[in-house]
């Protein structure tokens, strides 16, 4: 192990040399309270910044062991420390001067939800923080004096203020851990009480704007209808009451702009824990819940959609259905079947983003177009079987068709952002508006035929590495997808992906699967089971292949891993 003084000497030796001389700094150095590792050095000042990590032993950091004793507290503490580190780093980024990205100090930016990130990892040995630094230069000549300022003046202050227990707000951290434990307790109670979601009284559901997920000021606090009110006694907060939506089929109805979609959006993001002050801290949903919608033009490969679509005029086999350009109905059918395979226990749908012909066929249409001429079995006719035979509940925002009232177990009307339980009232009316008796074909669990094909390695044809296999490269397009090799994976409509770092992690997971697990025999489910085991045991670090993993990745849910793999065209 080299010492910090060795790093200083190296900095002096490369000062004013050409930029590639910075690569000699790669390695680990012992500072007073931590080990600094320079894991990757950028090629020039205009390239992506250098990858840096800091390791602080638990004895030095001093955090109480109960704050990282289990998975939930460990992720919560990591998230809290990342936010503290980002706050400190913001005072110093670009204070060292130079060309290009010189002086940049960059840390993962955390949103309203708490995610497991590579930016901060807590193990039995200690805390590892990962971040980026733009190594300073004048043109392409090294300015080591400015980098020395970052590494020896700025960084030690940031580390001490963010990662040493004695320097942070103890009460604030304690409340953060307590909140996470309370949220986990509520989530554990859902199945025990036959609920799929819980929304606490006083929650603030509307968001500031379409581009901000912070709570809207002056919003109407949520208040549960008495008939759906549930009370829980939390480990730290004590008694809390709110609306519990039971298992089964639930409709959310109401006039336009009365808060239907706002409620559904809060429920779909209730699969994540939220930070204090978000307004949705106690909006907790079954963590397997999946938001579904139609996706015109979606790629589908070998999916059994026969539960919903059969007897196509072109005789295409819907038990192993593939298309490069799905319609709204086939894409939504595939999404439901894929969600079943991913183990989702709750489906969330909004009529506005669903394919109309997939959801329902009204009485008049059934009279005009006979049953034998219609290949689609609408969702209306399958929702009850999905619950009773597959154990999958549905929460549906409905605004135009009254047909769903006939199958709903619970009906919530949103009236100026106030929920009203109108289940009994609607049941009394259903007799006046009967549905035509239509019997769908027998329910059968879809079969899975999907195998990720083994990819023949591309061989480099020129350069010093000619003849060697070419590594798959990934280019992330923000939250919306990524390019892997020459193929785009479009994730725009995977609506519970909330952070570009989750998308980046999905790219790494798919790359690992293609290069190491695909063998023309393993199914998508087989491969994801292997990946899930690795993630549970080792976190995202296992994707590094024994090398370092950088800042910039966040853990996706199992449902999003399935969604990603299902949209890969091989």
Protein backbone atom coordinates (compact mmCIF):
# COMPACT_ATOMS: atom_id res chain seq x y z
CA UNK A 1 0.00 0.00 0.00
CA UNK A 2 1.44 3.37 -1.02
CA UNK A 3 1.12 6.43 1.20
CA UNK A 4 -0.45 9.80 0.45
CA UNK A 5 3.07 11.29 0.33
CA UNK A 6 3.88 8.92 -2.55
CA UNK A 7 0.91 10.31 -4.44
CA UNK A 8 2.14 13.85 -3.83
CA UNK A 9 5.56 12.94 -5.19
CA UNK A 10 3.99 11.37 -8.28
CA UNK A 11 1.90 14.48 -8.84
CA UNK A 12 5.02 16.66 -8.71
CA UNK A 13 6.78 14.35 -11.16
CA UNK A 14 4.04 14.50 -13.82
CA UNK A 15 3.35 18.24 -13.54
CA UNK A 16 3.36 19.91 -16.98
CA UNK A 17 3.85 16.63 -18.82
CA UNK A 18 1.49 15.48 -21.56
CA UNK A 19 -1.89 14.23 -20.31
CA UNK A 20 -1.27 10.44 -20.65
CA UNK A 21 1.35 10.71 -17.87
CA UNK A 22 -1.58 10.95 -15.42
CA UNK A 23 -2.03 7.18 -15.88
CA UNK A 24 0.99 6.57 -13.63
CA UNK A 25 -1.18 7.70 -10.68
CA UNK A 26 -3.41 4.64 -10.89
CA UNK A 27 -3.38 2.73 -7.60
CA UNK A 28 -4.31 2.97 -3.90
CA UNK A 29 -2.95 5.41 -1.31
CA UNK A 30 -3.34 5.52 2.45
CA UNK A 31 -4.60 8.85 3.81
CA UNK A 32 -5.26 9.63 7.48
CA UNK A 33 -8.87 8.41 7.63
CA UNK A 34 -9.32 6.49 4.40
CA UNK A 35 -7.75 4.75 1.42
CA UNK A 36 -7.97 6.68 -1.84
CA UNK A 37 -8.02 4.58 -5.03
CA UNK A 38 -7.54 5.98 -8.50
CA UNK A 39 -9.28 3.22 -10.44
CA UNK A 40 -9.35 4.63 -13.96
CA UNK A 41 -7.68 7.67 -15.49
CA UNK A 42 -9.38 9.52 -18.35
CA UNK A 43 -7.57 9.69 -21.69
CA UNK A 44 -7.68 13.47 -22.05
CA UNK A 45 -9.30 16.44 -20.25
CA UNK A 46 -12.31 16.35 -22.58
CA UNK A 47 -13.07 12.62 -22.04
CA UNK A 48 -15.32 11.12 -19.37
CA UNK A 49 -13.80 11.98 -15.97
CA UNK A 50 -11.55 9.66 -13.95
CA UNK A 51 -13.02 7.04 -11.61
CA UNK A 52 -12.10 7.46 -7.95
CA UNK A 53 -13.08 5.58 -4.80
CA UNK A 54 -12.54 6.11 -1.10
CA UNK A 55 -12.69 3.33 1.53
CA UNK A 56 -13.34 4.21 5.16
CA UNK A 57 -13.15 1.41 7.77
CA UNK A 58 -16.10 1.13 10.16
CA UNK A 59 -13.85 1.87 13.12
CA UNK A 60 -12.98 5.24 11.59
CA UNK A 61 -16.47 6.05 10.28
CA UNK A 62 -18.01 5.25 13.66
CA UNK A 63 -21.62 4.58 12.63
CA UNK A 64 -23.69 2.45 15.05
CA UNK A 65 -23.75 -1.16 13.81
CA UNK A 66 -27.56 -1.30 13.90
CA UNK A 67 -27.58 1.34 11.13
CA UNK A 68 -26.17 -1.17 8.65
CA UNK A 69 -27.16 -4.50 10.23
CA UNK A 70 -29.61 -5.60 7.52
CA UNK A 71 -30.32 -4.95 3.86
CA UNK A 72 -32.85 -2.16 4.42
CA UNK A 73 -30.80 -0.15 6.93
CA UNK A 74 -27.62 -0.65 4.89
CA UNK A 75 -29.21 0.73 1.69
CA UNK A 76 -30.83 3.58 3.63
CA UNK A 77 -27.54 4.57 5.27
CA UNK A 78 -25.74 4.35 1.91
CA UNK A 79 -28.36 6.61 0.34
CA UNK A 80 -28.10 9.11 3.21
CA UNK A 81 -24.30 9.23 2.96
CA UNK A 82 -24.42 9.70 -0.82
CA UNK A 83 -26.70 12.70 -0.36
CA UNK A 84 -24.37 14.14 2.29
CA UNK A 85 -21.33 13.61 0.08
CA UNK A 86 -23.02 15.23 -2.93
CA UNK A 87 -23.88 18.24 -0.75
CA UNK A 88 -20.24 18.63 0.31
CA UNK A 89 -18.81 18.04 -3.17
CA UNK A 90 -21.07 20.72 -4.67
CA UNK A 91 -19.03 23.36 -2.81
CA UNK A 92 -15.81 22.32 -4.57
CA UNK A 93 -16.64 21.13 -8.09
CA UNK A 94 -14.85 23.18 -10.76
CA UNK A 95 -12.99 25.23 -8.13
CA UNK A 96 -9.83 23.71 -9.58
CA UNK A 97 -9.42 25.26 -13.02
CA UNK A 98 -8.38 24.02 -16.45
CA UNK A 99 -9.68 22.93 -19.84
CA UNK A 100 -12.46 20.46 -20.61
CA UNK A 101 -13.73 18.65 -17.51
CA UNK A 102 -10.84 19.87 -15.38
CA UNK A 103 -11.88 20.32 -11.76
CA UNK A 104 -15.17 18.45 -12.04
CA UNK A 105 -16.09 16.46 -8.92
CA UNK A 106 -19.21 14.44 -9.59
CA UNK A 107 -21.29 12.15 -7.37
CA UNK A 108 -24.57 10.29 -8.08
CA UNK A 109 -27.58 12.55 -7.72
CA UNK A 110 -30.31 10.89 -5.63
CA UNK A 111 -33.98 11.62 -6.27
CA UNK A 112 -37.02 11.21 -4.03
CA UNK A 113 -36.72 7.41 -3.93
CA UNK A 114 -34.10 5.42 -2.04
CA UNK A 115 -32.08 3.12 -4.32
CA UNK A 116 -29.13 0.83 -3.86
CA UNK A 117 -26.27 2.49 -5.77
CA UNK A 118 -22.63 1.80 -6.51
CA UNK A 119 -21.93 5.40 -5.38
CA UNK A 120 -21.84 4.17 -1.80
CA UNK A 121 -21.49 0.56 -0.73
CA UNK A 122 -21.40 -0.68 2.86
CA UNK A 123 -19.88 -4.09 3.62
CA UNK A 124 -18.61 -5.80 6.77
CA UNK A 125 -15.22 -4.15 6.18
CA UNK A 126 -16.37 -0.56 5.82
CA UNK A 127 -17.82 2.12 3.55
CA UNK A 128 -16.76 2.56 -0.07
CA UNK A 129 -17.67 5.82 -1.82
CA UNK A 130 -17.25 6.07 -5.60
CA UNK A 131 -17.26 9.24 -7.66
CA UNK A 132 -15.67 11.04 -10.62
CA UNK A 133 -12.97 13.70 -10.85
CA UNK A 134 -11.93 15.60 -13.97
CA UNK A 135 -8.13 15.62 -13.78
CA UNK A 136 -7.02 19.21 -14.50
CA UNK A 137 -4.98 20.27 -17.52
CA UNK A 138 -4.09 23.37 -19.47
CA UNK A 139 -4.92 22.31 -22.99
CA UNK A 140 -3.55 18.76 -22.89
CA UNK A 141 -0.73 19.56 -20.51
CA UNK A 142 -1.07 18.25 -16.94
CA UNK A 143 -1.80 20.77 -14.22
CA UNK A 144 -0.91 18.60 -11.23
CA UNK A 145 -1.00 21.56 -8.84
CA UNK A 146 -4.78 21.83 -9.32
CA UNK A 147 -5.28 18.07 -8.91
CA UNK A 148 -3.22 18.17 -5.70
CA UNK A 149 -5.61 20.86 -4.47
CA UNK A 150 -8.58 18.56 -5.13
CA UNK A 151 -7.06 15.43 -3.60
CA UNK A 152 -5.35 16.99 -0.58
CA UNK A 153 -7.43 20.08 0.24
CA UNK A 154 -10.99 19.60 -1.03
CA UNK A 155 -11.55 15.85 -0.81
CA UNK A 156 -10.43 15.28 2.82
CA UNK A 157 -12.92 17.94 3.96
CA UNK A 158 -15.76 16.32 1.97
CA UNK A 159 -14.96 12.85 3.30
CA UNK A 160 -14.76 13.99 6.92
CA UNK A 161 -18.02 15.93 6.80
CA UNK A 162 -19.98 13.25 4.91
CA UNK A 163 -18.66 9.90 6.16
CA UNK A 164 -17.62 10.36 9.79
CA UNK A 165 -20.48 9.84 12.23
CA UNK A 166 -19.22 12.48 14.64
CA UNK A 167 -19.63 15.19 11.99
CA UNK A 168 -23.20 14.53 10.84
CA UNK A 169 -26.63 15.28 12.29
CA UNK A 170 -27.27 12.26 14.53
CA UNK A 171 -30.98 12.97 15.03
CA UNK A 172 -31.61 13.39 11.30
CA UNK A 173 -29.86 10.12 10.49
CA UNK A 174 -31.72 8.29 13.25
CA UNK A 175 -35.06 9.53 11.86
CA UNK A 176 -33.99 8.43 8.35
CA UNK A 177 -33.27 4.89 9.56
CA UNK A 178 -36.49 4.80 11.61
CA UNK A 179 -38.53 5.89 8.59
CA UNK A 180 -37.05 3.11 6.46
CA UNK A 181 -37.83 0.53 9.13
CA UNK A 182 -41.40 1.80 9.39
CA UNK A 183 -41.82 1.66 5.61
CA UNK A 184 -40.51 -1.90 5.58
CA UNK A 185 -42.92 -2.83 8.36
CA UNK A 186 -45.91 -1.50 6.38
CA UNK A 187 -44.82 -3.42 3.30
CA UNK A 188 -44.53 -6.62 5.36
CA UNK A 189 -48.09 -6.08 6.64
CA UNK A 190 -49.72 -5.84 3.20
CA UNK A 191 -49.86 -9.56 2.45
CA UNK A 192 -50.75 -10.39 6.06
CA UNK A 193 -53.77 -8.10 5.83
CA UNK A 194 -54.69 -9.13 2.26
CA UNK A 195 -53.84 -5.66 0.95
CA UNK A 196 -51.92 -4.63 -2.16
CA UNK A 197 -51.19 -1.04 -1.18
CA UNK A 198 -51.49 1.47 1.67
CA UNK A 199 -51.81 5.27 1.43
CA UNK A 200 -51.44 7.12 4.74
CA UNK A 201 -53.74 9.94 5.73
CA UNK A 202 -51.97 13.25 5.22
CA UNK A 203 -49.91 12.04 2.26
CA UNK A 204 -49.19 14.60 -0.47
CA UNK A 205 -49.60 12.86 -3.82
CA UNK A 206 -49.40 15.61 -6.52
CA UNK A 207 -45.93 16.49 -7.77
CA UNK A 208 -44.50 19.95 -8.34
CA UNK A 209 -44.49 19.65 -12.14
CA UNK A 210 -44.03 17.19 -14.98
CA UNK A 211 -40.25 17.51 -14.64
CA UNK A 212 -40.03 17.66 -10.85
CA UNK A 213 -40.88 14.83 -8.47
CA UNK A 214 -40.91 17.05 -5.39
CA UNK A 215 -44.28 17.52 -3.63
CA UNK A 216 -46.58 20.25 -4.89
CA UNK A 217 -47.03 23.10 -2.43
CA UNK A 218 -50.60 23.79 -1.30
CA UNK A 219 -51.84 20.32 -2.29
CA UNK A 220 -54.83 18.68 -0.65
CA UNK A 221 -53.64 16.08 1.88
CA UNK A 222 -54.93 12.56 1.30
CA UNK A 223 -57.76 11.32 3.54
CA UNK A 224 -58.95 7.71 3.49
CA UNK A 225 -62.61 6.78 3.14
CA UNK A 226 -63.79 5.26 6.44
CA UNK A 227 -64.77 1.99 4.77
CA UNK A 228 -61.19 1.44 3.55
CA UNK A 229 -59.40 2.85 6.57
CA UNK A 230 -56.63 0.70 8.03
CA UNK A 231 -54.63 1.42 11.18
CA UNK A 232 -51.10 0.16 11.76
CA UNK A 233 -48.86 0.42 14.79
CA UNK A 234 -45.40 1.19 13.38
CA UNK A 235 -42.18 0.32 15.26
CA UNK A 236 -41.09 3.98 15.53
CA UNK A 237 -43.84 6.36 14.44
CA UNK A 238 -46.55 4.53 16.36
CA UNK A 239 -50.16 4.44 15.17
CA UNK A 240 -50.81 5.52 11.60
CA UNK A 241 -54.03 5.27 9.58
CA UNK A 242 -54.77 5.40 5.90
CA UNK A 243 -56.43 3.73 2.95
CA UNK A 244 -55.73 0.04 2.43
CA UNK A 245 -56.64 -1.24 -1.03
CA UNK A 246 -57.57 -4.93 -0.72
CA UNK A 247 -56.51 -7.71 -3.04
CA UNK A 248 -58.76 -8.30 -6.03
CA UNK A 249 -59.93 -5.90 -8.73
CA UNK A 250 -60.00 -2.22 -7.83
CA UNK A 251 -61.30 0.60 -10.03
CA UNK A 252 -60.25 4.22 -9.61
CA UNK A 253 -62.84 6.45 -11.28
CA UNK A 254 -63.91 10.08 -11.33
CA UNK A 255 -64.07 13.15 -13.51
CA UNK A 256 -61.13 14.53 -15.43
CA UNK A 257 -58.48 16.36 -13.34
CA UNK A 258 -59.87 15.00 -10.05
CA UNK A 259 -56.73 13.00 -9.18
CA UNK A 260 -57.20 9.50 -10.64
CA UNK A 261 -53.85 9.32 -12.43
CA UNK A 262 -52.14 11.16 -9.58
CA UNK A 263 -53.20 8.39 -7.20
CA UNK A 264 -52.16 5.66 -9.64
CA UNK A 265 -48.76 7.29 -10.16
CA UNK A 266 -48.20 7.40 -6.40
CA UNK A 267 -49.13 3.72 -6.16
CA UNK A 268 -46.80 2.65 -8.96
CA UNK A 269 -43.86 4.42 -7.27
CA UNK A 270 -44.89 3.02 -3.89
CA UNK A 271 -42.75 -0.01 -4.77
CA UNK A 272 -39.82 2.17 -3.59
CA UNK A 273 -39.16 3.75 -0.21
CA UNK A 274 -39.20 7.56 -0.27
CA UNK A 275 -37.20 10.14 1.64
CA UNK A 276 -38.61 12.26 4.44
CA UNK A 277 -40.46 15.33 3.16
CA UNK A 278 -41.48 13.68 -0.12
CA UNK A 279 -45.15 13.48 0.86
CA UNK A 280 -45.36 9.83 -0.21
CA UNK A 281 -43.26 8.41 2.63
CA UNK A 282 -46.14 6.17 3.70
CA UNK A 283 -47.50 5.29 0.26
CA UNK A 284 -46.46 1.65 0.20
CA UNK A 285 -47.27 -0.81 -2.59
CA UNK A 286 -46.54 -4.52 -2.99
CA UNK A 287 -42.99 -4.40 -4.33
CA UNK A 288 -43.78 -6.71 -7.27
CA UNK A 289 -46.47 -4.36 -8.64
CA UNK A 290 -46.10 -3.71 -12.37
CA UNK A 291 -47.44 -0.74 -14.36
CA UNK A 292 -48.66 -1.89 -17.78
CA UNK A 293 -49.57 -0.01 -20.93
CA UNK A 294 -49.80 -0.46 -24.68
CA UNK A 295 -46.61 0.11 -26.67
CA UNK A 296 -47.28 0.46 -30.38
CA UNK A 297 -44.25 -0.67 -32.35
CA UNK A 298 -42.74 -2.73 -29.51
CA UNK A 299 -40.54 -5.72 -30.30
CA UNK A 300 -41.91 -9.04 -28.99
CA UNK A 301 -40.15 -12.41 -29.17
CA UNK A 302 -41.65 -15.86 -28.53
CA UNK A 303 -44.34 -14.82 -26.03
CA UNK A 304 -47.44 -16.94 -25.43
CA UNK A 305 -50.24 -14.36 -25.74
CA UNK A 306 -52.95 -16.97 -26.42
CA UNK A 307 -54.64 -16.08 -23.12
CA UNK A 308 -55.75 -12.86 -24.82
CA UNK A 309 -55.27 -13.27 -28.59
CA UNK A 310 -56.09 -16.30 -30.76
CA UNK A 311 -57.11 -17.31 -34.28
CA UNK A 312 -55.40 -14.48 -36.13
CA UNK A 313 -56.48 -14.21 -39.80
CA UNK A 314 -52.89 -14.76 -40.94
CA UNK A 315 -52.78 -18.02 -38.89
CA UNK A 316 -49.85 -16.75 -36.84
CA UNK A 317 -49.20 -18.89 -33.76
CA UNK A 318 -50.05 -16.81 -30.69
CA UNK A 319 -48.67 -19.46 -28.31
CA UNK A 320 -45.19 -18.44 -29.47
CA UNK A 321 -45.78 -14.97 -30.84
CA UNK A 322 -43.07 -12.73 -32.30
CA UNK A 323 -43.22 -9.38 -34.07
CA UNK A 324 -40.90 -6.50 -34.83
CA UNK A 325 -43.78 -4.01 -34.70
CA UNK A 326 -46.49 -4.87 -32.18
CA UNK A 327 -49.92 -3.28 -32.15
CA UNK A 328 -51.31 -1.71 -29.01
CA UNK A 329 -53.29 -4.83 -28.13
CA UNK A 330 -50.54 -7.40 -28.78
CA UNK A 331 -47.98 -5.29 -26.90
CA UNK A 332 -50.26 -5.04 -23.87
CA UNK A 333 -51.05 -8.74 -23.97
CA UNK A 334 -47.33 -9.52 -24.08
CA UNK A 335 -46.68 -7.12 -21.20
CA UNK A 336 -49.20 -8.92 -18.99
CA UNK A 337 -47.80 -12.37 -19.79
CA UNK A 338 -44.25 -11.16 -19.21
CA UNK A 339 -45.38 -9.63 -15.91
CA UNK A 340 -46.80 -12.98 -14.85
CA UNK A 341 -43.47 -14.62 -15.58
CA UNK A 342 -41.68 -11.91 -13.58
CA UNK A 343 -43.73 -12.84 -10.51
CA UNK A 344 -45.85 -9.68 -10.27
CA UNK A 345 -48.74 -9.94 -7.84
CA UNK A 346 -50.35 -6.61 -8.82
CA UNK A 347 -51.03 -5.06 -12.22
CA UNK A 348 -51.55 -1.29 -12.48
CA UNK A 349 -53.32 0.03 -15.58
CA UNK A 350 -54.69 3.34 -16.82
CA UNK A 351 -57.37 3.25 -19.49
CA UNK A 352 -55.81 6.36 -21.07
CA UNK A 353 -52.57 4.51 -21.89
CA UNK A 354 -54.15 1.15 -22.73
CA UNK A 355 -55.31 -0.21 -26.08
CA UNK A 356 -59.08 0.28 -26.13
CA UNK A 357 -59.83 -2.89 -28.12
CA UNK A 358 -57.67 -4.89 -25.69
CA UNK A 359 -59.43 -3.65 -22.57
CA UNK A 360 -63.13 -4.02 -23.40
CA UNK A 361 -65.73 -4.61 -26.16
CA UNK A 362 -69.07 -2.97 -25.53
CA UNK A 363 -72.44 -4.61 -26.16
CA UNK A 364 -73.11 -2.83 -29.45
CA UNK A 365 -69.69 -3.82 -30.86
CA UNK A 366 -70.32 -7.44 -29.86
CA UNK A 367 -73.59 -7.34 -31.77
CA UNK A 368 -71.95 -5.89 -34.89
CA UNK A 369 -68.78 -8.01 -34.85
CA UNK A 370 -69.54 -11.57 -33.76
CA UNK A 371 -67.35 -13.37 -31.26
CA UNK A 372 -65.86 -15.81 -33.77
CA UNK A 373 -64.64 -12.89 -35.90
CA UNK A 374 -62.79 -11.22 -33.03
CA UNK A 375 -59.40 -12.75 -32.07
CA UNK A 376 -59.02 -10.64 -28.91
CA UNK A 377 -60.30 -11.79 -25.53
CA UNK A 378 -60.44 -8.43 -23.73
CA UNK A 379 -58.85 -7.81 -20.36
CA UNK A 380 -62.35 -7.31 -18.92
CA UNK A 381 -62.99 -11.03 -19.39
CA UNK A 382 -59.64 -12.14 -17.93
CA UNK A 383 -59.18 -9.90 -14.89
CA UNK A 384 -61.21 -12.12 -12.55
CA UNK A 385 -59.31 -15.25 -13.61
CA UNK A 386 -56.02 -13.44 -13.17
CA UNK A 387 -56.95 -12.84 -9.55
CA UNK A 388 -58.76 -16.07 -8.68
CA UNK A 389 -56.48 -18.47 -10.56
CA UNK A 390 -53.14 -16.66 -10.76
CA UNK A 391 -53.35 -14.57 -7.59
CA UNK A 392 -52.73 -11.30 -9.45
CA UNK A 393 -54.72 -8.25 -8.36
CA UNK A 394 -55.56 -5.35 -10.67
CA UNK A 395 -55.80 -1.63 -9.96
CA UNK A 396 -57.31 0.14 -12.95
CA UNK A 397 -58.00 3.80 -13.64
CA UNK A 398 -61.19 3.82 -15.71
CA UNK A 399 -62.72 6.90 -17.25
CA UNK A 400 -64.84 5.90 -20.24
CA UNK A 401 -66.22 2.37 -19.95
CA UNK A 402 -68.70 1.33 -17.26
CA UNK A 403 -68.23 -2.35 -18.07
CA UNK A 404 -65.47 -2.72 -15.49
CA UNK A 405 -67.89 -1.86 -12.68
CA UNK A 406 -69.39 -5.34 -13.05
CA UNK A 407 -66.17 -7.16 -12.14
CA UNK A 408 -64.72 -4.74 -9.56
CA UNK A 409 -64.39 -5.72 -5.92
CA UNK A 410 -63.55 -2.17 -4.81
CA UNK A 411 -64.45 1.11 -6.54
CA UNK A 412 -62.81 4.36 -5.48
CA UNK A 413 -64.08 7.65 -6.85
CA UNK A 414 -61.62 10.55 -6.81
CA UNK A 415 -63.55 13.74 -6.12
CA UNK A 416 -61.33 16.85 -6.09
CA UNK A 417 -58.42 14.68 -4.87
CA UNK A 418 -60.57 13.14 -2.11
CA UNK A 419 -61.15 9.36 -2.41
CA UNK A 420 -64.69 8.09 -1.89
CA UNK A 421 -65.60 4.40 -1.65
CA UNK A 422 -68.60 3.97 -3.97
CA UNK A 423 -68.49 0.16 -4.20
CA UNK A 424 -71.91 -0.47 -2.66
CA UNK A 425 -73.57 2.34 -4.59
CA UNK A 426 -72.24 1.00 -7.92
CA UNK A 427 -73.26 -2.60 -7.17
CA UNK A 428 -76.83 -1.41 -6.74
CA UNK A 429 -76.68 0.23 -10.17
CA UNK A 430 -75.06 -2.68 -12.01
CA UNK A 431 -78.37 -4.54 -12.15
CA UNK A 432 -79.85 -1.70 -14.23
CA UNK A 433 -77.06 -1.91 -16.80
CA UNK A 434 -76.36 -5.64 -17.30
CA UNK A 435 -73.55 -6.88 -19.49
CA UNK A 436 -74.13 -9.36 -22.27
CA UNK A 437 -73.20 -12.79 -20.90
CA UNK A 438 -69.93 -13.64 -22.64
CA UNK A 439 -67.89 -16.66 -21.71
CA UNK A 440 -64.18 -16.42 -22.38
CA UNK A 441 -62.22 -19.53 -23.25
CA UNK A 442 -60.76 -21.49 -20.34
CA UNK A 443 -57.95 -19.84 -18.41
CA UNK A 444 -54.55 -21.45 -18.97
CA UNK A 445 -51.19 -20.30 -17.67
CA UNK A 446 -48.99 -19.09 -20.53
CA UNK A 447 -46.02 -21.23 -21.53
CA UNK A 448 -42.55 -19.70 -21.85
CA UNK A 449 -40.45 -20.45 -24.93
CA UNK A 450 -38.01 -17.57 -24.72
CA UNK A 451 -34.29 -18.22 -25.01
CA UNK A 452 -31.58 -15.58 -25.37
CA UNK A 453 -29.46 -16.70 -28.29
CA UNK A 454 -25.76 -17.19 -27.83
CA UNK A 455 -23.99 -14.45 -29.72
CA UNK A 456 -21.02 -15.28 -31.90
CA UNK A 457 -18.24 -12.87 -30.87
CA UNK A 458 -17.38 -10.11 -33.32
CA UNK A 459 -13.71 -10.29 -34.25
CA UNK A 460 -11.66 -7.13 -34.59
CA UNK A 461 -10.42 -6.82 -38.15
CA UNK A 462 -7.74 -4.16 -37.72
CA UNK A 463 -5.52 -2.44 -35.18
CA UNK A 464 -3.21 -3.99 -32.62
CA UNK A 465 -6.08 -6.14 -31.27
CA UNK A 466 -6.96 -7.58 -34.70
CA UNK A 467 -8.17 -11.17 -34.44
CA UNK A 468 -9.37 -10.80 -30.85
CA UNK A 469 -13.06 -10.86 -29.81
CA UNK A 470 -14.66 -7.44 -29.66
CA UNK A 471 -16.31 -6.48 -26.36
CA UNK A 472 -19.95 -5.38 -26.44
CA UNK A 473 -20.15 -1.65 -25.83
CA UNK A 474 -23.03 0.08 -24.06
CA UNK A 475 -24.20 3.64 -24.60
CA UNK A 476 -26.93 4.76 -22.18
CA UNK A 477 -29.65 7.14 -23.41
CA UNK A 478 -30.60 8.61 -20.04
CA UNK A 479 -33.52 6.79 -18.42
CA UNK A 480 -35.11 5.80 -21.73
CA UNK A 481 -32.86 2.94 -22.87
CA UNK A 482 -29.42 2.09 -24.16
CA UNK A 483 -27.49 0.89 -27.18
CA UNK A 484 -25.77 -2.48 -26.73
CA UNK A 485 -23.52 -3.35 -29.62
CA UNK A 486 -25.61 -2.17 -32.56
CA UNK A 487 -29.00 -2.79 -30.99
CA UNK A 488 -31.22 -0.29 -29.21
CA UNK A 489 -33.13 -1.45 -26.14
CA UNK A 490 -36.10 0.90 -25.80
CA UNK A 491 -37.29 1.35 -22.20
CA UNK A 492 -39.33 4.55 -22.60
CA UNK A 493 -42.55 2.87 -21.53
CA UNK A 494 -41.14 0.93 -18.59
CA UNK A 495 -42.69 3.50 -16.29
CA UNK A 496 -41.32 2.33 -12.93
CA UNK A 497 -37.74 2.91 -14.02
CA UNK A 498 -36.98 6.15 -12.20
CA UNK A 499 -33.25 6.79 -12.58
CA UNK A 500 -30.72 6.71 -15.47
CA UNK A 501 -28.40 4.75 -13.18
CA UNK A 502 -30.93 1.90 -13.13
CA UNK A 503 -30.92 1.92 -16.93
CA UNK A 504 -27.10 1.83 -16.92
CA UNK A 505 -27.21 -1.18 -14.58
CA UNK A 506 -29.70 -2.94 -16.87
CA UNK A 507 -27.23 -2.47 -19.72
CA UNK A 508 -24.49 -4.15 -17.66
CA UNK A 509 -26.80 -7.00 -16.64
CA UNK A 510 -27.82 -7.67 -20.23
CA UNK A 511 -24.19 -7.52 -21.38
CA UNK A 512 -23.19 -10.02 -18.68
CA UNK A 513 -26.06 -12.32 -19.67
CA UNK A 514 -25.16 -12.23 -23.37
CA UNK A 515 -21.43 -12.77 -22.84
CA UNK A 516 -21.47 -15.26 -19.95
CA UNK A 517 -24.87 -16.94 -19.58
CA UNK A 518 -26.58 -17.21 -22.98
CA UNK A 519 -25.97 -20.71 -24.35
CA UNK A 520 -28.96 -21.39 -26.64
CA UNK A 521 -30.53 -23.52 -23.86
CA UNK A 522 -31.18 -21.25 -20.87
CA UNK A 523 -34.48 -19.40 -20.92
CA UNK A 524 -34.87 -15.76 -19.99
CA UNK A 525 -36.23 -16.89 -16.61
CA UNK A 526 -33.23 -19.20 -16.05
CA UNK A 527 -30.76 -16.41 -16.77
CA UNK A 528 -32.56 -13.84 -14.63
CA UNK A 529 -32.68 -16.33 -11.74
CA UNK A 530 -28.89 -16.66 -11.91
CA UNK A 531 -28.46 -12.88 -12.07
CA UNK A 532 -30.87 -12.36 -9.16
CA UNK A 533 -28.86 -14.75 -7.01
CA UNK A 534 -25.66 -12.86 -7.79
CA UNK A 535 -27.27 -9.49 -7.12
CA UNK A 536 -28.66 -10.68 -3.80
CA UNK A 537 -25.32 -12.10 -2.71
CA UNK A 538 -22.87 -9.53 -4.11
CA UNK A 539 -24.84 -6.49 -5.27
CA UNK A 540 -23.92 -4.83 -8.55
CA UNK A 541 -20.21 -5.31 -7.82
CA UNK A 542 -20.28 -8.83 -9.30
CA UNK A 543 -20.65 -7.24 -12.77
CA UNK A 544 -17.11 -5.84 -12.53
CA UNK A 545 -15.60 -9.26 -13.23
CA UNK A 546 -13.11 -8.96 -10.38
CA UNK A 547 -12.07 -5.43 -11.37
CA UNK A 548 -13.51 -2.23 -9.92
CA UNK A 549 -17.06 -1.02 -10.52
CA UNK A 550 -17.53 2.71 -10.89
CA UNK A 551 -20.07 5.16 -9.57
CA UNK A 552 -23.13 5.53 -11.80
CA UNK A 553 -25.21 2.37 -11.34
CA UNK A 554 -28.38 1.76 -9.31
CA UNK A 555 -30.25 -1.46 -8.60
CA UNK A 556 -33.30 -2.15 -10.79
CA UNK A 557 -36.16 -4.36 -9.61
CA UNK A 558 -36.64 -7.88 -10.92
CA UNK A 559 -39.64 -6.62 -12.93
CA UNK A 560 -37.49 -4.06 -14.77
CA UNK A 561 -34.81 -6.68 -15.48
CA UNK A 562 -37.47 -8.82 -17.16
CA UNK A 563 -38.81 -5.79 -19.04
CA UNK A 564 -35.33 -4.99 -20.33
CA UNK A 565 -34.49 -8.54 -21.43
CA UNK A 566 -37.88 -8.90 -23.11
CA UNK A 567 -37.12 -5.88 -25.29
CA UNK A 568 -33.73 -7.16 -26.45
CA UNK A 569 -34.03 -8.28 -30.06
CA UNK A 570 -31.94 -11.45 -29.82
